[in-house]
Amino acid sequence: MPLLLFSYLQVLDFMSTVAFILMGFPEANPVVRFAFSIGIGGLMLVKVIAVLLVVWCWSLGRKRVLITANLVFAILVAWNLLAVIVGAARMA
């Protein structure tokens, strides 16, 4: 279940990041900013790599890493959505 949650959070982070950028906000993470400069495929690649790294950690018994990653990405998605909502309110 934690792996499924992590994958779901990656999809939500991907979608909220795209919305965030389309609203005109800059990407703060330099790795994601570089990946996105390549195109949407670059951002997708970053997300696939993140999932693969977490699956690897899970297979090594590092379940606490996954729990921490889930918490961090849940907060990140909430932050992105808040920024999109505030940005949309300012544009209206």
C-alpha atoms as a PDB file:
ATOM      1  CA  MET A   1       0.000   0.000   0.000  1.00  0.00           C
ATOM      2  CA  PRO A   2       2.770   2.574   0.747  1.00  0.00           C
ATOM      3  CA  LEU A   3       4.245   1.974  -2.736  1.00  0.00           C
ATOM      4  CA  LEU A   4       0.856   2.602  -4.331  1.00  0.00           C
ATOM      5  CA  LEU A   5       0.443   5.772  -2.262  1.00  0.00           C
ATOM      6  CA  PHE A   6       3.896   6.969  -3.320  1.00  0.00           C
ATOM      7  CA  SER A   7       3.054   6.354  -6.987  1.00  0.00           C
ATOM      8  CA  TYR A   8      -0.240   8.215  -6.588  1.00  0.00           C
ATOM      9  CA  LEU A   9       1.548  11.133  -4.936  1.00  0.00           C
ATOM     10  CA  GLN A  10       4.015  11.217  -7.831  1.00  0.00           C
ATOM     11  CA  VAL A  11       1.127  11.552 -10.296  1.00  0.00           C
ATOM     12  CA  LEU A  12      -0.408  14.333  -8.183  1.00  0.00           C
ATOM     13  CA  ASP A  13       2.970  16.063  -7.885  1.00  0.00           C
ATOM     14  CA  PHE A  14       3.456  15.806 -11.633  1.00  0.00           C
ATOM     15  CA  MET A  15       0.032  17.334 -12.332  1.00  0.00           C
ATOM     16  CA  SER A  16       0.356  20.050  -9.692  1.00  0.00           C
ATOM     17  CA  THR A  17       3.868  20.927 -10.894  1.00  0.00           C
ATOM     18  CA  VAL A  18       2.638  21.327 -14.461  1.00  0.00           C
ATOM     19  CA  ALA A  19      -0.274  23.486 -13.246  1.00  0.00           C
ATOM     20  CA  PHE A  20       2.137  25.464 -11.057  1.00  0.00           C
ATOM     21  CA  ILE A  21       4.419  26.170 -14.017  1.00  0.00           C
ATOM     22  CA  LEU A  22       1.541  26.974 -16.392  1.00  0.00           C
ATOM     23  CA  MET A  23       0.375  29.582 -13.874  1.00  0.00           C
ATOM     24  CA  GLY A  24       3.736  31.280 -14.311  1.00  0.00           C
ATOM     25  CA  PHE A  25       5.440  30.197 -11.093  1.00  0.00           C
ATOM     26  CA  PRO A  26       9.097  29.171 -11.344  1.00  0.00           C
ATOM     27  CA  GLU A  27      10.152  25.658 -10.356  1.00  0.00           C
ATOM     28  CA  ALA A  28      12.308  25.807  -7.224  1.00  0.00           C
ATOM     29  CA  ASN A  29      13.945  22.362  -7.552  1.00  0.00           C
ATOM     30  CA  PRO A  30      16.926  22.715  -9.942  1.00  0.00           C
ATOM     31  CA  VAL A  31      16.754  19.057 -11.035  1.00  0.00           C
ATOM     32  CA  VAL A  32      13.057  19.316 -11.884  1.00  0.00           C
ATOM     33  CA  ARG A  33      13.616  22.728 -13.514  1.00  0.00           C
ATOM     34  CA  PHE A  34      16.277  21.207 -15.773  1.00  0.00           C
ATOM     35  CA  ALA A  35      14.112  18.172 -16.534  1.00  0.00           C
ATOM     36  CA  PHE A  36      11.161  20.408 -17.381  1.00  0.00           C
ATOM     37  CA  SER A  37      13.362  22.541 -19.655  1.00  0.00           C
ATOM     38  CA  ILE A  38      13.832  19.400 -21.757  1.00  0.00           C
ATOM     39  CA  GLY A  39      10.056  19.040 -21.948  1.00  0.00           C
ATOM     40  CA  ILE A  40       7.211  17.222 -20.267  1.00  0.00           C
ATOM     41  CA  GLY A  41       9.022  13.942 -20.921  1.00  0.00           C
ATOM     42  CA  GLY A  42      11.888  15.139 -18.733  1.00  0.00           C
ATOM     43  CA  LEU A  43       9.531  15.688 -15.837  1.00  0.00           C
ATOM     44  CA  MET A  44       7.965  12.274 -16.424  1.00  0.00           C
ATOM     45  CA  LEU A  45      11.432  10.717 -16.370  1.00  0.00           C
ATOM     46  CA  VAL A  46      12.174  12.327 -12.990  1.00  0.00           C
ATOM     47  CA  LYS A  47       8.947  10.834 -11.603  1.00  0.00           C
ATOM     48  CA  VAL A  48       9.729   7.354 -12.972  1.00  0.00           C
ATOM     49  CA  ILE A  49      13.215   7.513 -11.447  1.00  0.00           C
ATOM     50  CA  ALA A  50      11.708   8.548  -8.096  1.00  0.00           C
ATOM     51  CA  VAL A  51       9.356   5.553  -8.138  1.00  0.00           C
ATOM     52  CA  LEU A  52      12.185   3.187  -9.075  1.00  0.00           C
ATOM     53  CA  LEU A  53      14.378   4.519  -6.250  1.00  0.00           C
ATOM     54  CA  VAL A  54      11.581   4.034  -3.724  1.00  0.00           C
ATOM     55  CA  VAL A  55      10.886   0.497  -4.977  1.00  0.00           C
ATOM     56  CA  TRP A  56      14.601  -0.202  -4.548  1.00  0.00           C
ATOM     57  CA  CYS A  57      14.551   1.204  -0.981  1.00  0.00           C
ATOM     58  CA  TRP A  58      11.444  -0.864  -0.207  1.00  0.00           C
ATOM     59  CA  SER A  59      13.118  -4.024  -1.514  1.00  0.00           C
ATOM     60  CA  LEU A  60      16.091  -3.351   0.784  1.00  0.00           C
ATOM     61  CA  GLY A  61      13.755  -3.129   3.767  1.00  0.00           C
ATOM     62  CA  ARG A  62      14.056   0.664   4.068  1.00  0.00           C
ATOM     63  CA  LYS A  63      10.326   1.122   4.626  1.00  0.00           C
ATOM     64  CA  ARG A  64      10.843   4.189   6.810  1.00  0.00           C
ATOM     65  CA  VAL A  65      12.321   5.996   3.810  1.00  0.00           C
ATOM     66  CA  LEU A  66       9.087   5.387   1.914  1.00  0.00           C
ATOM     67  CA  ILE A  67       6.943   6.615   4.799  1.00  0.00           C
ATOM     68  CA  THR A  68       9.020   9.804   5.023  1.00  0.00           C
ATOM     69  CA  ALA A  69       8.901  10.281   1.236  1.00  0.00           C
ATOM     70  CA  ASN A  70       5.109   9.904   1.280  1.00  0.00           C
ATOM     71  CA  LEU A  71       4.817  12.586   3.938  1.00  0.00           C
ATOM     72  CA  VAL A  72       7.154  14.957   2.093  1.00  0.00           C
ATOM     73  CA  PHE A  73       5.339  14.537  -1.225  1.00  0.00           C
ATOM     74  CA  ALA A  74       1.906  14.925   0.402  1.00  0.00           C
ATOM     75  CA  ILE A  75       3.061  18.261   1.827  1.00  0.00           C
ATOM     76  CA  LEU A  76       4.614  19.239  -1.515  1.00  0.00           C
ATOM     77  CA  VAL A  77       1.423  18.483  -3.453  1.00  0.00           C
ATOM     78  CA  ALA A  78      -0.629  20.476  -0.942  1.00  0.00           C
ATOM     79  CA  TRP A  79       1.808  23.390  -1.288  1.00  0.00           C
ATOM     80  CA  ASN A  80       1.632  23.282  -5.091  1.00  0.00           C
ATOM     81  CA  LEU A  81      -2.168  23.202  -5.044  1.00  0.00           C
ATOM     82  CA  LEU A  82      -2.291  26.107  -2.606  1.00  0.00           C
ATOM     83  CA  ALA A  83       0.027  28.122  -4.870  1.00  0.00           C
ATOM     84  CA  VAL A  84      -2.139  27.335  -7.905  1.00  0.00           C
ATOM     85  CA  ILE A  85      -5.315  28.377  -6.028  1.00  0.00           C
ATOM     86  CA  VAL A  86      -3.726  31.623  -4.804  1.00  0.00           C
ATOM     87  CA  GLY A  87      -2.336  32.321  -8.272  1.00  0.00           C
ATOM     88  CA  ALA A  88      -5.705  31.712  -9.895  1.00  0.00           C
ATOM     89  CA  ALA A  89      -7.409  33.981  -7.353  1.00  0.00           C
ATOM     90  CA  ARG A  90      -4.943  36.772  -8.155  1.00  0.00           C
ATOM     91  CA  MET A  91      -5.567  36.380 -11.881  1.00  0.00           C
ATOM     92  CA  ALA A  92      -9.345  36.566 -11.484  1.00  0.00           C
END
